[in-house]
Each structure stands twice: as structure tokens, then as C-alpha cells.
């Protein structure tokens, strides 16, 4: 009986840990984006910035019509962001749309940008934050 009491927890632990599966996720390859390079690719709002907000409801799960401001849905994102409150053209690194969800910050507790997404947002702001 003592052996069974000792053996039972060991078997349960073995079953628990052998049932766990871990899939190794390889990091995405991040292209180098230099927002200060005048010959760099133009980062259009519709092609590069909107997909960051909408991909897998990355931002739009909270920042949607009737949700938290700014409204980052496809129809309203640019007009909602186009203010000094979110975009600082004179000092792009201080733009709230860039700094608030940066990786490693504690200001945004939910989803955050990847390093590549942050670089695209910063490059877009440095290029004038145009609705292109």
C-alpha cells in the first residue's frame, strides 16, 4: 500500500509532464529599416501602417469604433491619428502612436509592436505621416 501511495504521484507527474508539448517558434527575420535614410522605401499608410493595426486584431480588438481612442479601424484610423495628440512631426520619436505600444514598455499592458512594426511606424511618421 505504501508503494502504491508513492508510485501514484510519480505516475501522475510523469503523465502530466509527458503530455506537455512545446513548439519552438523561430523569430521572424527583421529587415533593417532606417527611418533617417532619405532614399529609404516610402512607407505608405494603407500598405504598411494599417496592416499593423488590423493584423489578427492586433490593435483593433480594443481600438475600434465605440472602444478606446484612437479608433484604429480601417475606415477611421488616419483621421483618428491625424492630430498632435498621437503624431509629433517635429519629434517623431515622441509620437504617442509610436512610443505607447513599443516593445519593452510598461505603458501598454496589452499587445505591443514588434521591433519591425515599431520601425515602420517611426519611418512613416518621419516621412510626414501621410495618408498614402
Foldseek 3Di string as FASTA:
>chain_A
DVVCVVVVVVVVVVVVVVPDDDDDDDDDDADDFDLPDPPGDAQACVPQVLCQCPVVVLPQVAQDVVHDPPNSPPVRNLVRCPDCQAADLVDRVPGCVLPQQDPPDPNDPGHHDDPNSSSSSSSCSPVPVDND
